[in-house]
Amino acid sequence: MIPVFSILIKSLGEIYATLGMAVGVGGCIFIWLSKLNPLDLMGEIERVFPSLFPEQTFFGGVLFLVYFGIISFAVFIGSYFLAESMEIMVGIAKGIRLLLEEPGHSRR
């Protein structure tokens, strides 16, 4: 069960990172062309991403892209860290259980 859950966490992190970068690139281009905040038009999906109110300039578009890139990368790394740490903790628990079940080992 844990390996499946670990893969699920990794996949969710990858999906969020991909979607975050797509929003970052699209929002950057949107700011450049329309001079409006793209988060105002995103509707309910805006709740999934951290809020940023960019300036409606070229630099604001670049800042929007960099901001979403950093957040996406952080979520990606965090999800992999969480998934791998779960697998390591399960491995440690299995090892401890095997040590406690060895014949001749006294339990206190």
C-alpha atoms as a PDB file:
ATOM      1  CA  MET A   1       0.000   0.000   0.000  1.00  0.00           C
ATOM      2  CA  ILE A   2       2.809   2.436   0.847  1.00  0.00           C
ATOM      3  CA  PRO A   3       4.579   2.144  -2.544  1.00  0.00           C
ATOM      4  CA  VAL A   4       1.302   2.945  -4.316  1.00  0.00           C
ATOM      5  CA  PHE A   5       0.700   5.925  -2.037  1.00  0.00           C
ATOM      6  CA  SER A   6       4.274   7.068  -2.624  1.00  0.00           C
ATOM      7  CA  ILE A   7       3.775   6.977  -6.396  1.00  0.00           C
ATOM      8  CA  LEU A   8       0.507   8.872  -5.973  1.00  0.00           C
ATOM      9  CA  ILE A   9       2.234  11.653  -4.005  1.00  0.00           C
ATOM     10  CA  LYS A  10       4.991  11.905  -6.616  1.00  0.00           C
ATOM     11  CA  SER A  11       2.413  12.055  -9.417  1.00  0.00           C
ATOM     12  CA  LEU A  12       0.403  14.778  -7.691  1.00  0.00           C
ATOM     13  CA  GLY A  13       3.584  16.818  -7.228  1.00  0.00           C
ATOM     14  CA  GLU A  14       4.463  16.401 -10.895  1.00  0.00           C
ATOM     15  CA  ILE A  15       0.954  17.385 -11.991  1.00  0.00           C
ATOM     16  CA  TYR A  16       0.982  20.485  -9.783  1.00  0.00           C
ATOM     17  CA  ALA A  17       4.436  21.488 -11.029  1.00  0.00           C
ATOM     18  CA  THR A  18       3.434  21.043 -14.672  1.00  0.00           C
ATOM     19  CA  LEU A  19       0.219  22.981 -14.207  1.00  0.00           C
ATOM     20  CA  GLY A  20       2.057  25.690 -12.258  1.00  0.00           C
ATOM     21  CA  MET A  21       4.610  26.182 -15.012  1.00  0.00           C
ATOM     22  CA  ALA A  22       1.862  26.269 -17.641  1.00  0.00           C
ATOM     23  CA  VAL A  23       0.054  28.973 -15.638  1.00  0.00           C
ATOM     24  CA  GLY A  24       3.351  30.831 -15.211  1.00  0.00           C
ATOM     25  CA  VAL A  25       4.203  30.842 -18.920  1.00  0.00           C
ATOM     26  CA  GLY A  26       0.636  31.568 -19.988  1.00  0.00           C
ATOM     27  CA  GLY A  27       0.252  34.298 -17.375  1.00  0.00           C
ATOM     28  CA  CYS A  28       3.542  35.893 -18.398  1.00  0.00           C
ATOM     29  CA  ILE A  29       2.473  36.076 -22.032  1.00  0.00           C
ATOM     30  CA  PHE A  30      -1.000  37.233 -20.992  1.00  0.00           C
ATOM     31  CA  ILE A  31       0.451  40.097 -18.940  1.00  0.00           C
ATOM     32  CA  TRP A  32       2.701  41.119 -21.813  1.00  0.00           C
ATOM     33  CA  LEU A  33      -0.120  41.191 -24.346  1.00  0.00           C
ATOM     34  CA  SER A  34      -3.118  42.430 -22.372  1.00  0.00           C
ATOM     35  CA  LYS A  35      -1.635  44.295 -19.388  1.00  0.00           C
ATOM     36  CA  LEU A  36      -4.170  42.551 -17.069  1.00  0.00           C
ATOM     37  CA  ASN A  37      -3.768  40.228 -14.078  1.00  0.00           C
ATOM     38  CA  PRO A  38      -4.341  36.641 -15.307  1.00  0.00           C
ATOM     39  CA  LEU A  39      -5.372  35.391 -11.861  1.00  0.00           C
ATOM     40  CA  ASP A  40      -8.548  37.471 -12.058  1.00  0.00           C
ATOM     41  CA  LEU A  41      -9.728  35.356 -15.006  1.00  0.00           C
ATOM     42  CA  MET A  42      -8.788  31.928 -13.667  1.00  0.00           C
ATOM     43  CA  GLY A  43     -11.856  31.389 -11.507  1.00  0.00           C
ATOM     44  CA  GLU A  44     -11.774  28.553  -8.955  1.00  0.00           C
ATOM     45  CA  ILE A  45      -8.347  27.244  -9.966  1.00  0.00           C
ATOM     46  CA  GLU A  46      -6.822  30.395  -8.504  1.00  0.00           C
ATOM     47  CA  ARG A  47      -7.325  28.880  -5.028  1.00  0.00           C
ATOM     48  CA  VAL A  48      -4.834  26.115  -5.830  1.00  0.00           C
ATOM     49  CA  PHE A  49      -1.997  28.544  -6.553  1.00  0.00           C
ATOM     50  CA  PRO A  50      -0.422  31.079  -4.229  1.00  0.00           C
ATOM     51  CA  SER A  51      -1.626  34.606  -4.816  1.00  0.00           C
ATOM     52  CA  LEU A  52       0.529  37.144  -6.574  1.00  0.00           C
ATOM     53  CA  PHE A  53      -0.621  40.495  -7.847  1.00  0.00           C
ATOM     54  CA  PRO A  54       1.865  41.274 -10.594  1.00  0.00           C
ATOM     55  CA  GLU A  55       2.454  44.629 -12.165  1.00  0.00           C
ATOM     56  CA  GLN A  56       1.131  44.952 -15.688  1.00  0.00           C
ATOM     57  CA  THR A  57       4.566  45.516 -17.222  1.00  0.00           C
ATOM     58  CA  PHE A  58       7.154  43.416 -19.010  1.00  0.00           C
ATOM     59  CA  PHE A  59       9.044  42.914 -15.754  1.00  0.00           C
ATOM     60  CA  GLY A  60       5.782  42.011 -13.995  1.00  0.00           C
ATOM     61  CA  GLY A  61       5.239  39.215 -16.521  1.00  0.00           C
ATOM     62  CA  VAL A  62       8.756  37.912 -16.003  1.00  0.00           C
ATOM     63  CA  LEU A  63       8.287  38.101 -12.226  1.00  0.00           C
ATOM     64  CA  PHE A  64       5.017  36.169 -12.556  1.00  0.00           C
ATOM     65  CA  LEU A  65       6.802  33.435 -14.518  1.00  0.00           C
ATOM     66  CA  VAL A  66       9.730  33.227 -12.085  1.00  0.00           C
ATOM     67  CA  TYR A  67       7.390  33.188  -9.075  1.00  0.00           C
ATOM     68  CA  PHE A  68       5.325  30.313 -10.445  1.00  0.00           C
ATOM     69  CA  GLY A  69       8.492  28.499 -11.505  1.00  0.00           C
ATOM     70  CA  ILE A  70       9.914  28.666  -7.977  1.00  0.00           C
ATOM     71  CA  ILE A  71       6.635  27.577  -6.362  1.00  0.00           C
ATOM     72  CA  SER A  72       6.236  24.706  -8.843  1.00  0.00           C
ATOM     73  CA  PHE A  73       9.803  23.536  -8.267  1.00  0.00           C
ATOM     74  CA  ALA A  74       9.358  23.700  -4.486  1.00  0.00           C
ATOM     75  CA  VAL A  75       6.162  21.625  -4.623  1.00  0.00           C
ATOM     76  CA  PHE A  76       7.843  19.133  -6.962  1.00  0.00           C
ATOM     77  CA  ILE A  77      10.843  18.688  -4.647  1.00  0.00           C
ATOM     78  CA  GLY A  78       8.599  18.600  -1.559  1.00  0.00           C
ATOM     79  CA  SER A  79       6.387  15.867  -2.978  1.00  0.00           C
ATOM     80  CA  TYR A  80       9.378  13.710  -3.879  1.00  0.00           C
ATOM     81  CA  PHE A  81      10.897  14.293  -0.437  1.00  0.00           C
ATOM     82  CA  LEU A  82       7.633  13.295   1.253  1.00  0.00           C
ATOM     83  CA  ALA A  83       7.211  10.185  -0.888  1.00  0.00           C
ATOM     84  CA  GLU A  84      10.789   8.996  -0.398  1.00  0.00           C
ATOM     85  CA  SER A  85      10.753   9.705   3.339  1.00  0.00           C
ATOM     86  CA  MET A  86       7.595   7.599   3.685  1.00  0.00           C
ATOM     87  CA  GLU A  87       9.300   4.698   1.950  1.00  0.00           C
ATOM     88  CA  ILE A  88      12.383   5.070   4.155  1.00  0.00           C
ATOM     89  CA  MET A  89      10.281   5.148   7.341  1.00  0.00           C
ATOM     90  CA  VAL A  90       8.444   1.988   6.278  1.00  0.00           C
ATOM     91  CA  GLY A  91      11.770   0.303   5.551  1.00  0.00           C
ATOM     92  CA  ILE A  92      13.077   1.254   8.977  1.00  0.00           C
ATOM     93  CA  ALA A  93       9.891  -0.037  10.638  1.00  0.00           C
ATOM     94  CA  LYS A  94      10.191  -3.361   8.776  1.00  0.00           C
ATOM     95  CA  GLY A  95      13.832  -3.666   9.836  1.00  0.00           C
ATOM     96  CA  ILE A  96      12.986  -3.015  13.469  1.00  0.00           C
ATOM     97  CA  ARG A  97      10.171  -5.555  13.332  1.00  0.00           C
ATOM     98  CA  LEU A  98      12.558  -8.174  11.925  1.00  0.00           C
ATOM     99  CA  LEU A  99      15.075  -7.456  14.682  1.00  0.00           C
ATOM    100  CA  LEU A 100      12.418  -7.820  17.353  1.00  0.00           C
ATOM    101  CA  GLU A 101      11.166 -11.120  15.898  1.00  0.00           C
ATOM    102  CA  GLU A 102      14.637 -12.756  15.885  1.00  0.00           C
ATOM    103  CA  PRO A 103      14.853 -15.864  18.059  1.00  0.00           C
ATOM    104  CA  GLY A 104      16.674 -15.282  21.294  1.00  0.00           C
ATOM    105  CA  HIS A 105      15.876 -11.580  21.376  1.00  0.00           C
ATOM    106  CA  SER A 106      14.327 -10.619  24.683  1.00  0.00           C
ATOM    107  CA  ARG A 107      11.540  -8.097  24.782  1.00  0.00           C
ATOM    108  CA  ARG A 108      11.350  -5.732  27.698  1.00  0.00           C
END
